[in-house]
């Protein structure tokens, strides 16, 4: 009896692994050019902390916060209706004109994202996902892009408040600090 129970447990674990794939993003997932010629079988995990710390937008430069969602996703609906979810995203975007929140929503969990859901500025990300057959990401999922580069990626409802919002605020604080540190423009002399 114990052997049958162990076999069932093993089958469940294998099925979950096959359904969800690896949990940690790797450099190969994000930057395939970095891995060319590498003999390492397992690429190192992405250092999201370092990417966030290095992201410093210039004045007027758009920081994109992307939310992947599905209409029939219970957690996505919770994010949309929560004061700490979509409402907070709207507040941040309204208070920060250089932060743009983009919600990419597919019809169902079993469906795929469509190219029309991506704004032209993020079409490169749709093309990348299309090439990699990744048009049905786990939802809700959150990404931050700056200058066409992925700064941060995570998924799960709790990650919005614990990781995404603090990352956006940290990046925006550096923008503010950079504007304060810049020397004031000198008025043109009238000669």
N, C-alpha and C. Protein backbone atom coordinates (compact mmCIF):
# COMPACT_ATOMS: atom_id res chain seq x y z
N UNK A 1 0.82 -1.19 0.00
CA UNK A 1 0.00 0.00 0.00
C UNK A 1 0.87 1.26 0.00
N UNK A 2 1.95 1.24 0.80
CA UNK A 2 2.84 2.41 0.85
C UNK A 2 3.49 2.65 -0.50
N UNK A 3 3.80 1.55 -1.21
CA UNK A 3 4.45 1.69 -2.51
C UNK A 3 3.52 2.37 -3.51
N UNK A 4 2.25 2.02 -3.49
CA UNK A 4 1.28 2.63 -4.39
C UNK A 4 1.13 4.11 -4.06
N UNK A 5 1.09 4.44 -2.78
CA UNK A 5 0.99 5.84 -2.36
C UNK A 5 2.21 6.63 -2.82
N UNK A 6 3.39 6.06 -2.70
CA UNK A 6 4.61 6.74 -3.15
C UNK A 6 4.61 6.95 -4.65
N UNK A 7 4.14 5.94 -5.39
CA UNK A 7 4.08 6.05 -6.85
C UNK A 7 3.11 7.16 -7.27
N UNK A 8 1.96 7.24 -6.60
CA UNK A 8 1.01 8.31 -6.90
C UNK A 8 1.62 9.67 -6.63
N UNK A 9 2.29 9.79 -5.50
CA UNK A 9 2.94 11.05 -5.15
C UNK A 9 4.00 11.41 -6.17
N UNK A 10 4.80 10.45 -6.58
CA UNK A 10 5.84 10.69 -7.58
C UNK A 10 5.22 11.13 -8.90
N UNK A 11 4.15 10.48 -9.33
CA UNK A 11 3.48 10.86 -10.57
C UNK A 11 2.92 12.27 -10.49
N UNK A 12 2.37 12.63 -9.37
CA UNK A 12 1.84 13.98 -9.19
C UNK A 12 2.96 15.00 -9.28
N UNK A 13 4.09 14.73 -8.63
CA UNK A 13 5.22 15.66 -8.67
C UNK A 13 5.76 15.81 -10.09
N UNK A 14 5.87 14.70 -10.81
CA UNK A 14 6.35 14.76 -12.19
C UNK A 14 5.37 15.56 -13.05
N UNK A 15 4.07 15.32 -12.88
CA UNK A 15 3.07 16.05 -13.65
C UNK A 15 3.13 17.54 -13.36
N UNK A 16 3.27 17.92 -12.10
CA UNK A 16 3.37 19.34 -11.75
C UNK A 16 4.60 19.97 -12.36
N UNK A 17 5.71 19.26 -12.34
CA UNK A 17 6.94 19.77 -12.92
C UNK A 17 6.78 19.98 -14.43
N UNK A 18 6.14 19.03 -15.09
CA UNK A 18 5.93 19.15 -16.54
C UNK A 18 4.97 20.28 -16.87
N UNK A 19 3.94 20.46 -16.04
CA UNK A 19 2.97 21.53 -16.30
C UNK A 19 3.54 22.91 -16.07
N UNK A 20 4.29 23.07 -15.01
CA UNK A 20 4.74 24.41 -14.62
C UNK A 20 6.16 24.71 -15.05
N UNK A 21 6.94 23.73 -15.40
CA UNK A 21 8.31 23.97 -15.83
C UNK A 21 9.16 24.49 -14.69
N UNK A 22 10.36 24.94 -14.99
CA UNK A 22 11.24 25.45 -13.94
C UNK A 22 10.67 26.72 -13.33
N UNK A 23 10.91 26.91 -12.05
CA UNK A 23 10.35 28.08 -11.37
C UNK A 23 11.24 29.30 -11.46
N UNK A 24 12.52 29.12 -11.61
CA UNK A 24 13.43 30.26 -11.64
C UNK A 24 13.78 30.59 -13.08
N UNK A 25 13.72 31.85 -13.43
CA UNK A 25 14.15 32.28 -14.75
C UNK A 25 15.67 32.17 -14.81
N UNK A 26 16.17 31.88 -15.99
CA UNK A 26 17.61 31.79 -16.15
C UNK A 26 18.07 32.80 -17.17
N UNK A 27 19.36 33.03 -17.22
CA UNK A 27 19.91 33.95 -18.21
C UNK A 27 19.55 33.48 -19.62
N UNK A 28 19.49 32.17 -19.83
CA UNK A 28 19.14 31.65 -21.15
C UNK A 28 17.72 32.06 -21.53
N UNK A 29 16.83 32.14 -20.55
CA UNK A 29 15.46 32.57 -20.84
C UNK A 29 15.41 34.02 -21.26
N UNK A 30 16.27 34.83 -20.73
CA UNK A 30 16.19 36.28 -20.91
C UNK A 30 17.15 36.81 -21.96
N UNK A 31 18.34 36.30 -22.01
CA UNK A 31 19.36 36.83 -22.91
C UNK A 31 20.05 35.67 -23.62
N UNK A 32 19.45 35.11 -24.68
CA UNK A 32 20.05 33.94 -25.32
C UNK A 32 21.44 34.19 -25.87
N UNK A 33 21.76 35.41 -26.28
CA UNK A 33 23.08 35.70 -26.83
C UNK A 33 24.18 35.52 -25.80
N UNK A 34 23.86 35.69 -24.53
CA UNK A 34 24.86 35.54 -23.49
C UNK A 34 25.32 34.10 -23.34
N UNK A 35 24.51 33.15 -23.75
CA UNK A 35 24.82 31.75 -23.54
C UNK A 35 25.48 31.07 -24.74
N UNK A 36 25.59 31.75 -25.86
CA UNK A 36 26.21 31.14 -27.03
C UNK A 36 27.66 30.80 -26.73
N UNK A 37 28.03 29.60 -27.06
CA UNK A 37 29.40 29.17 -26.83
C UNK A 37 29.66 28.72 -25.41
N UNK A 38 28.69 28.81 -24.55
CA UNK A 38 28.87 28.41 -23.16
C UNK A 38 28.75 26.90 -23.05
N UNK A 39 29.61 26.29 -22.26
CA UNK A 39 29.56 24.85 -22.08
C UNK A 39 28.75 24.48 -20.84
N UNK A 40 28.27 25.45 -20.10
CA UNK A 40 27.50 25.18 -18.89
C UNK A 40 26.16 24.58 -19.27
N UNK A 41 25.77 23.50 -18.57
CA UNK A 41 24.49 22.87 -18.85
C UNK A 41 23.35 23.62 -18.21
N UNK A 42 23.56 24.19 -17.04
CA UNK A 42 22.54 24.94 -16.35
C UNK A 42 23.00 26.39 -16.23
N UNK A 43 22.35 27.28 -17.00
CA UNK A 43 22.75 28.68 -16.93
C UNK A 43 22.41 29.26 -15.56
N UNK A 44 23.13 30.28 -15.14
CA UNK A 44 22.85 30.89 -13.83
C UNK A 44 21.48 31.59 -13.82
N UNK A 45 20.89 31.66 -12.65
CA UNK A 45 19.61 32.36 -12.51
C UNK A 45 19.81 33.85 -12.75
N UNK A 46 18.76 34.49 -13.22
CA UNK A 46 18.82 35.93 -13.47
C UNK A 46 18.91 36.65 -12.13
N UNK A 47 19.79 37.63 -12.06
CA UNK A 47 19.91 38.44 -10.85
C UNK A 47 18.99 39.66 -11.00
N UNK A 48 17.72 39.45 -10.68
CA UNK A 48 16.74 40.52 -10.83
C UNK A 48 17.10 41.72 -9.98
N UNK A 49 17.62 41.49 -8.80
CA UNK A 49 17.99 42.57 -7.89
C UNK A 49 19.00 43.51 -8.56
N UNK A 50 19.99 42.92 -9.22
CA UNK A 50 21.01 43.72 -9.91
C UNK A 50 20.41 44.48 -11.09
N UNK A 51 19.49 43.87 -11.80
CA UNK A 51 18.84 44.55 -12.92
C UNK A 51 18.02 45.74 -12.44
N UNK A 52 17.31 45.55 -11.35
CA UNK A 52 16.52 46.65 -10.79
C UNK A 52 17.44 47.77 -10.34
N UNK A 53 18.54 47.39 -9.66
CA UNK A 53 19.48 48.39 -9.15
C UNK A 53 20.16 49.16 -10.28
N UNK A 54 20.31 48.55 -11.44
CA UNK A 54 20.97 49.21 -12.57
C UNK A 54 20.02 50.05 -13.42
N UNK A 55 18.75 49.88 -13.22
CA UNK A 55 17.76 50.60 -14.05
C UNK A 55 17.58 52.03 -13.55
N UNK A 56 18.04 52.97 -14.36
CA UNK A 56 17.88 54.39 -14.03
C UNK A 56 17.34 55.11 -15.26
N UNK A 57 16.05 55.37 -15.26
CA UNK A 57 15.47 56.03 -16.43
C UNK A 57 15.84 57.51 -16.50
N UNK A 58 16.03 57.98 -17.69
CA UNK A 58 16.29 59.40 -17.91
C UNK A 58 14.97 60.16 -17.84
N UNK A 59 15.02 61.46 -17.60
CA UNK A 59 13.78 62.24 -17.60
C UNK A 59 13.06 62.07 -18.94
N UNK A 60 11.77 61.80 -18.87
CA UNK A 60 10.96 61.63 -20.07
C UNK A 60 10.99 60.24 -20.66
N UNK A 61 11.81 59.36 -20.13
CA UNK A 61 11.91 57.99 -20.63
C UNK A 61 10.83 57.12 -19.98
N UNK A 62 10.13 56.33 -20.78
CA UNK A 62 9.01 55.55 -20.27
C UNK A 62 9.47 54.25 -19.62
N UNK A 63 8.94 54.00 -18.44
CA UNK A 63 9.12 52.74 -17.74
C UNK A 63 7.81 51.97 -17.91
N UNK A 64 7.88 50.79 -18.52
CA UNK A 64 6.69 50.00 -18.78
C UNK A 64 6.51 48.94 -17.70
N UNK A 65 5.32 48.89 -17.13
CA UNK A 65 4.94 47.84 -16.18
C UNK A 65 3.87 47.02 -16.89
N UNK A 66 4.20 45.77 -17.21
CA UNK A 66 3.31 44.91 -17.97
C UNK A 66 2.65 43.90 -17.04
N UNK A 67 1.35 43.78 -17.17
CA UNK A 67 0.57 42.81 -16.40
C UNK A 67 -0.03 41.82 -17.39
N UNK A 68 0.30 40.54 -17.24
CA UNK A 68 -0.29 39.49 -18.07
C UNK A 68 -1.47 38.92 -17.30
N UNK A 69 -2.62 38.80 -17.98
CA UNK A 69 -3.85 38.40 -17.33
C UNK A 69 -4.68 37.53 -18.27
N UNK A 70 -5.68 36.85 -17.69
CA UNK A 70 -6.65 36.08 -18.48
C UNK A 70 -8.03 36.35 -17.91
N UNK A 71 -9.02 36.42 -18.79
CA UNK A 71 -10.38 36.75 -18.35
C UNK A 71 -10.94 35.76 -17.33
N UNK A 72 -10.59 34.48 -17.47
CA UNK A 72 -11.14 33.48 -16.55
C UNK A 72 -10.20 33.13 -15.40
N UNK A 73 -9.23 33.98 -15.14
CA UNK A 73 -8.28 33.75 -14.05
C UNK A 73 -8.82 34.40 -12.77
N UNK A 74 -9.06 33.59 -11.77
CA UNK A 74 -9.59 34.09 -10.49
C UNK A 74 -8.65 35.12 -9.85
N UNK A 75 -7.36 34.84 -9.88
CA UNK A 75 -6.39 35.73 -9.25
C UNK A 75 -6.24 37.04 -10.02
N UNK A 76 -6.39 36.95 -11.35
CA UNK A 76 -6.35 38.16 -12.18
C UNK A 76 -7.54 39.06 -11.87
N UNK A 77 -8.71 38.45 -11.73
CA UNK A 77 -9.91 39.22 -11.37
C UNK A 77 -9.73 39.86 -10.00
N UNK A 78 -9.11 39.14 -9.09
CA UNK A 78 -8.84 39.70 -7.75
C UNK A 78 -7.89 40.89 -7.86
N UNK A 79 -6.85 40.78 -8.70
CA UNK A 79 -5.91 41.88 -8.90
C UNK A 79 -6.64 43.10 -9.46
N UNK A 80 -7.51 42.88 -10.45
CA UNK A 80 -8.23 43.98 -11.09
C UNK A 80 -9.18 44.69 -10.14
N UNK A 81 -9.80 43.94 -9.24
CA UNK A 81 -10.81 44.54 -8.35
C UNK A 81 -10.22 45.06 -7.04
N UNK A 82 -8.99 44.74 -6.75
CA UNK A 82 -8.37 45.12 -5.49
C UNK A 82 -7.86 46.57 -5.50
N UNK A 83 -7.96 47.23 -4.36
CA UNK A 83 -7.39 48.57 -4.23
C UNK A 83 -5.86 48.53 -4.32
N UNK A 84 -5.29 47.38 -3.98
CA UNK A 84 -3.83 47.23 -4.03
C UNK A 84 -3.37 46.69 -5.38
N UNK A 85 -4.30 46.40 -6.28
CA UNK A 85 -3.97 45.86 -7.58
C UNK A 85 -4.06 46.91 -8.67
N UNK A 86 -5.06 46.76 -9.53
CA UNK A 86 -5.22 47.67 -10.67
C UNK A 86 -5.42 49.11 -10.23
N UNK A 87 -6.12 49.32 -9.12
CA UNK A 87 -6.34 50.69 -8.64
C UNK A 87 -5.01 51.35 -8.27
N UNK A 88 -4.13 50.60 -7.63
CA UNK A 88 -2.82 51.14 -7.27
C UNK A 88 -1.98 51.37 -8.53
N UNK A 89 -2.08 50.47 -9.50
CA UNK A 89 -1.36 50.66 -10.77
C UNK A 89 -1.81 51.96 -11.45
N UNK A 90 -3.10 52.21 -11.43
CA UNK A 90 -3.63 53.44 -12.03
C UNK A 90 -3.13 54.67 -11.29
N UNK A 91 -3.10 54.61 -9.96
CA UNK A 91 -2.59 55.74 -9.16
C UNK A 91 -1.14 56.03 -9.49
N UNK A 92 -0.33 54.98 -9.58
CA UNK A 92 1.09 55.17 -9.88
C UNK A 92 1.25 55.77 -11.28
N UNK A 93 0.53 55.22 -12.24
CA UNK A 93 0.64 55.71 -13.62
C UNK A 93 0.15 57.15 -13.74
N UNK A 94 -0.91 57.50 -13.00
CA UNK A 94 -1.41 58.87 -13.05
C UNK A 94 -0.47 59.84 -12.34
N UNK A 95 0.18 59.39 -11.29
CA UNK A 95 1.11 60.25 -10.56
C UNK A 95 2.48 60.32 -11.18
N UNK A 96 2.78 59.40 -12.06
CA UNK A 96 4.08 59.33 -12.72
C UNK A 96 3.85 59.24 -14.22
N UNK A 97 3.88 60.34 -14.93
CA UNK A 97 3.55 60.31 -16.36
C UNK A 97 4.51 59.45 -17.18
N UNK A 98 5.70 59.16 -16.66
CA UNK A 98 6.66 58.35 -17.40
C UNK A 98 6.56 56.86 -17.07
N UNK A 99 5.58 56.49 -16.24
CA UNK A 99 5.32 55.08 -15.96
C UNK A 99 4.04 54.71 -16.69
N UNK A 100 4.15 53.69 -17.53
CA UNK A 100 2.98 53.24 -18.29
C UNK A 100 2.66 51.80 -17.91
N UNK A 101 1.45 51.59 -17.40
CA UNK A 101 0.99 50.25 -17.05
C UNK A 101 0.22 49.69 -18.24
N UNK A 102 0.62 48.51 -18.69
CA UNK A 102 0.00 47.85 -19.84
C UNK A 102 -0.54 46.50 -19.37
N UNK A 103 -1.84 46.30 -19.54
CA UNK A 103 -2.44 45.01 -19.20
C UNK A 103 -2.64 44.24 -20.50
N UNK A 104 -2.01 43.08 -20.57
CA UNK A 104 -2.13 42.21 -21.73
C UNK A 104 -3.00 41.04 -21.29
N UNK A 105 -4.23 41.04 -21.82
CA UNK A 105 -5.19 40.05 -21.35
C UNK A 105 -5.59 39.11 -22.47
N UNK A 106 -5.55 37.84 -22.18
CA UNK A 106 -6.02 36.86 -23.15
C UNK A 106 -7.40 36.37 -22.74
N UNK A 107 -8.09 35.73 -23.66
CA UNK A 107 -9.47 35.32 -23.42
C UNK A 107 -9.61 34.27 -22.33
N UNK A 108 -8.67 33.36 -22.26
CA UNK A 108 -8.78 32.31 -21.24
C UNK A 108 -7.39 31.82 -20.83
N UNK A 109 -7.37 31.10 -19.73
CA UNK A 109 -6.12 30.53 -19.26
C UNK A 109 -5.52 29.59 -20.30
N UNK A 110 -6.37 28.93 -21.05
CA UNK A 110 -5.91 27.98 -22.06
C UNK A 110 -5.59 28.65 -23.39
N UNK A 111 -5.92 29.93 -23.51
CA UNK A 111 -5.69 30.64 -24.76
C UNK A 111 -4.28 31.23 -24.84
N UNK A 112 -4.05 31.96 -25.92
CA UNK A 112 -2.75 32.60 -26.15
C UNK A 112 -2.94 34.11 -26.27
N UNK A 113 -1.89 34.83 -25.95
CA UNK A 113 -1.90 36.28 -26.13
C UNK A 113 -1.87 36.60 -27.62
N UNK A 114 -2.56 37.66 -27.99
CA UNK A 114 -2.62 38.09 -29.38
C UNK A 114 -1.69 39.29 -29.59
N UNK A 115 -1.20 39.43 -30.81
CA UNK A 115 -0.27 40.53 -31.10
C UNK A 115 -0.91 41.89 -30.85
N UNK A 116 -2.21 42.02 -31.10
CA UNK A 116 -2.91 43.28 -30.91
C UNK A 116 -2.99 43.73 -29.46
N UNK A 117 -2.75 42.82 -28.53
CA UNK A 117 -2.79 43.18 -27.11
C UNK A 117 -1.54 43.94 -26.69
N UNK A 118 -0.49 43.84 -27.48
CA UNK A 118 0.77 44.52 -27.17
C UNK A 118 0.83 45.88 -27.85
N UNK A 119 1.17 46.92 -27.11
CA UNK A 119 1.33 48.22 -27.77
C UNK A 119 2.56 48.18 -28.68
N UNK A 120 2.62 49.05 -29.67
CA UNK A 120 3.75 49.03 -30.62
C UNK A 120 5.12 49.08 -29.93
N UNK A 121 5.21 49.81 -28.82
CA UNK A 121 6.50 49.94 -28.13
C UNK A 121 6.96 48.62 -27.51
N UNK A 122 6.05 47.68 -27.31
CA UNK A 122 6.40 46.39 -26.71
C UNK A 122 6.21 45.23 -27.69
N UNK A 123 6.06 45.55 -28.96
CA UNK A 123 5.87 44.50 -29.97
C UNK A 123 7.06 43.54 -30.00
N UNK A 124 8.25 44.03 -29.71
CA UNK A 124 9.43 43.17 -29.68
C UNK A 124 9.25 42.03 -28.68
N UNK A 125 8.56 42.29 -27.59
CA UNK A 125 8.34 41.25 -26.58
C UNK A 125 7.35 40.20 -27.09
N UNK A 126 6.34 40.64 -27.81
CA UNK A 126 5.42 39.67 -28.42
C UNK A 126 6.18 38.78 -29.40
N UNK A 127 7.02 39.39 -30.23
CA UNK A 127 7.79 38.62 -31.22
C UNK A 127 8.72 37.62 -30.53
N UNK A 128 9.34 38.03 -29.43
CA UNK A 128 10.22 37.13 -28.68
C UNK A 128 9.42 35.95 -28.13
N UNK A 129 8.26 36.24 -27.55
CA UNK A 129 7.41 35.18 -26.99
C UNK A 129 6.91 34.25 -28.09
N UNK A 130 6.58 34.82 -29.24
CA UNK A 130 6.12 34.01 -30.37
C UNK A 130 7.21 33.04 -30.82
N UNK A 131 8.43 33.54 -30.97
CA UNK A 131 9.55 32.68 -31.38
C UNK A 131 9.78 31.54 -30.39
N UNK A 132 9.56 31.81 -29.12
CA UNK A 132 9.81 30.82 -28.08
C UNK A 132 8.57 30.02 -27.69
N UNK A 133 7.48 30.25 -28.38
CA UNK A 133 6.22 29.55 -28.07
C UNK A 133 5.82 29.78 -26.62
N UNK A 134 5.88 31.05 -26.19
CA UNK A 134 5.55 31.42 -24.81
C UNK A 134 4.43 32.45 -24.76
N UNK A 135 3.39 32.25 -25.55
CA UNK A 135 2.29 33.21 -25.60
C UNK A 135 1.18 32.89 -24.61
N UNK A 136 1.43 31.97 -23.70
CA UNK A 136 0.47 31.66 -22.65
C UNK A 136 1.19 31.64 -21.31
N UNK A 137 1.73 32.80 -20.89
CA UNK A 137 2.49 32.82 -19.63
C UNK A 137 1.57 32.58 -18.43
N UNK A 138 2.18 32.15 -17.36
CA UNK A 138 1.47 32.03 -16.10
C UNK A 138 0.85 33.38 -15.77
N UNK A 139 -0.37 33.38 -15.26
CA UNK A 139 -1.02 34.63 -14.90
C UNK A 139 -1.52 34.58 -13.46
N UNK A 140 -1.57 35.70 -12.78
CA UNK A 140 -1.05 36.98 -13.23
C UNK A 140 0.48 36.99 -13.21
N UNK A 141 1.04 37.61 -14.23
CA UNK A 141 2.48 37.77 -14.33
C UNK A 141 2.78 39.25 -14.51
N UNK A 142 3.94 39.66 -14.04
CA UNK A 142 4.30 41.07 -14.05
C UNK A 142 5.71 41.24 -14.60
N UNK A 143 5.90 42.25 -15.44
CA UNK A 143 7.21 42.55 -16.01
C UNK A 143 7.44 44.05 -15.99
N UNK A 144 8.70 44.43 -15.91
CA UNK A 144 9.09 45.84 -15.99
C UNK A 144 10.11 45.93 -17.13
N UNK A 145 9.87 46.87 -18.04
CA UNK A 145 10.78 47.09 -19.17
C UNK A 145 11.25 48.54 -19.16
N UNK A 146 12.51 48.71 -19.50
CA UNK A 146 13.10 50.03 -19.67
C UNK A 146 14.05 49.97 -20.85
N UNK A 147 13.91 50.90 -21.78
CA UNK A 147 14.75 50.95 -22.99
C UNK A 147 14.74 49.64 -23.77
N UNK A 148 13.60 48.96 -23.80
CA UNK A 148 13.51 47.72 -24.56
C UNK A 148 14.14 46.52 -23.88
N UNK A 149 14.55 46.67 -22.64
CA UNK A 149 15.17 45.57 -21.90
C UNK A 149 14.31 45.16 -20.72
N UNK A 150 14.28 43.87 -20.47
CA UNK A 150 13.55 43.36 -19.33
C UNK A 150 14.33 43.64 -18.06
N UNK A 151 13.70 44.36 -17.14
CA UNK A 151 14.32 44.70 -15.87
C UNK A 151 13.91 43.70 -14.79
N UNK A 152 12.64 43.27 -14.85
CA UNK A 152 12.13 42.38 -13.81
C UNK A 152 10.97 41.57 -14.34
N UNK A 153 10.87 40.32 -13.89
CA UNK A 153 9.75 39.45 -14.25
C UNK A 153 9.41 38.57 -13.06
N UNK A 154 8.13 38.45 -12.78
CA UNK A 154 7.67 37.57 -11.71
C UNK A 154 6.22 37.21 -11.99
N UNK A 155 5.72 36.26 -11.24
CA UNK A 155 4.30 35.90 -11.38
C UNK A 155 3.73 35.57 -10.01
N UNK A 156 2.42 35.64 -9.94
CA UNK A 156 1.74 35.37 -8.68
C UNK A 156 1.18 36.65 -8.09
N UNK A 157 -0.04 36.57 -7.63
CA UNK A 157 -0.74 37.74 -7.11
C UNK A 157 0.02 38.46 -6.00
N UNK A 158 0.61 37.72 -5.08
CA UNK A 158 1.30 38.35 -3.96
C UNK A 158 2.56 39.10 -4.38
N UNK A 159 3.11 38.77 -5.54
CA UNK A 159 4.34 39.42 -6.00
C UNK A 159 4.11 40.88 -6.39
N UNK A 160 2.87 41.23 -6.73
CA UNK A 160 2.57 42.60 -7.13
C UNK A 160 2.94 43.57 -6.03
N UNK A 161 2.43 43.35 -4.83
CA UNK A 161 2.70 44.27 -3.72
C UNK A 161 4.05 44.05 -3.07
N UNK A 162 4.52 42.82 -3.03
CA UNK A 162 5.77 42.55 -2.33
C UNK A 162 7.01 42.83 -3.17
N UNK A 163 6.90 42.72 -4.50
CA UNK A 163 8.09 42.88 -5.34
C UNK A 163 7.96 43.94 -6.44
N UNK A 164 6.85 43.91 -7.18
CA UNK A 164 6.72 44.79 -8.35
C UNK A 164 6.61 46.25 -7.95
N UNK A 165 5.68 46.57 -7.07
CA UNK A 165 5.51 47.97 -6.65
C UNK A 165 6.80 48.52 -6.03
N UNK A 166 7.45 47.80 -5.09
CA UNK A 166 8.72 48.33 -4.56
C UNK A 166 9.78 48.52 -5.65
N UNK A 167 9.83 47.63 -6.64
CA UNK A 167 10.82 47.78 -7.72
C UNK A 167 10.53 49.03 -8.54
N UNK A 168 9.27 49.25 -8.89
CA UNK A 168 8.90 50.45 -9.66
C UNK A 168 9.24 51.71 -8.87
N UNK A 169 8.90 51.73 -7.59
CA UNK A 169 9.19 52.90 -6.76
C UNK A 169 10.69 53.13 -6.60
N UNK A 170 11.46 52.06 -6.48
CA UNK A 170 12.92 52.19 -6.39
C UNK A 170 13.50 52.79 -7.67
N UNK A 171 13.05 52.29 -8.80
CA UNK A 171 13.54 52.81 -10.09
C UNK A 171 13.14 54.27 -10.27
N UNK A 172 11.90 54.58 -9.93
CA UNK A 172 11.43 55.97 -10.06
C UNK A 172 12.14 56.90 -9.08
N UNK A 173 12.52 56.41 -7.93
CA UNK A 173 13.28 57.23 -6.97
C UNK A 173 14.63 57.62 -7.57
N UNK A 174 15.26 56.68 -8.27
CA UNK A 174 16.53 57.00 -8.93
C UNK A 174 16.33 58.05 -10.02
N UNK A 175 15.21 57.98 -10.71
CA UNK A 175 14.92 59.02 -11.72
C UNK A 175 14.82 60.37 -11.02
N UNK A 176 14.07 60.41 -9.91
CA UNK A 176 13.91 61.67 -9.16
C UNK A 176 15.25 62.17 -8.64
N UNK A 177 16.06 61.26 -8.09
CA UNK A 177 17.37 61.65 -7.57
C UNK A 177 18.27 62.20 -8.67
N UNK A 178 18.19 61.60 -9.86
CA UNK A 178 18.99 62.06 -10.98
C UNK A 178 18.58 63.45 -11.44
N UNK A 179 17.29 63.74 -11.37
CA UNK A 179 16.81 65.07 -11.77
C UNK A 179 17.22 66.12 -10.76
N UNK A 180 17.24 65.74 -9.47
CA UNK A 180 17.66 66.69 -8.44
C UNK A 180 19.15 66.97 -8.51
N UNK A 181 19.93 65.95 -8.88
CA UNK A 181 21.39 66.09 -8.92
C UNK A 181 21.85 66.85 -10.16
N UNK A 182 21.02 66.89 -11.18
CA UNK A 182 21.43 67.59 -12.41
C UNK A 182 21.54 69.08 -12.13
N UNK A 183 22.59 69.70 -12.65
CA UNK A 183 22.74 71.14 -12.43
C UNK A 183 21.62 71.89 -13.13
N UNK A 184 21.13 72.96 -12.52
CA UNK A 184 20.07 73.72 -13.15
C UNK A 184 20.54 74.33 -14.47
N UNK A 185 19.64 74.40 -15.40
CA UNK A 185 19.96 74.97 -16.70
C UNK A 185 20.22 76.46 -16.54
N UNK A 186 21.27 76.93 -17.18
CA UNK A 186 21.60 78.35 -17.12
C UNK A 186 20.81 79.08 -18.17
N UNK A 187 20.25 80.20 -17.78
CA UNK A 187 19.50 80.98 -18.79
C UNK A 187 20.48 81.51 -19.84
N UNK A 188 20.00 81.59 -21.06
CA UNK A 188 20.83 82.11 -22.15
C UNK A 188 21.10 83.59 -21.89
N UNK A 189 22.34 83.98 -22.06
CA UNK A 189 22.68 85.38 -21.82
C UNK A 189 22.26 86.22 -23.02
N UNK A 190 21.71 87.34 -22.74
CA UNK A 190 21.27 88.26 -23.80
C UNK A 190 22.42 89.18 -24.12
N UNK A 191 23.10 88.91 -25.22
CA UNK A 191 24.22 89.78 -25.61
C UNK A 191 23.85 90.63 -26.76
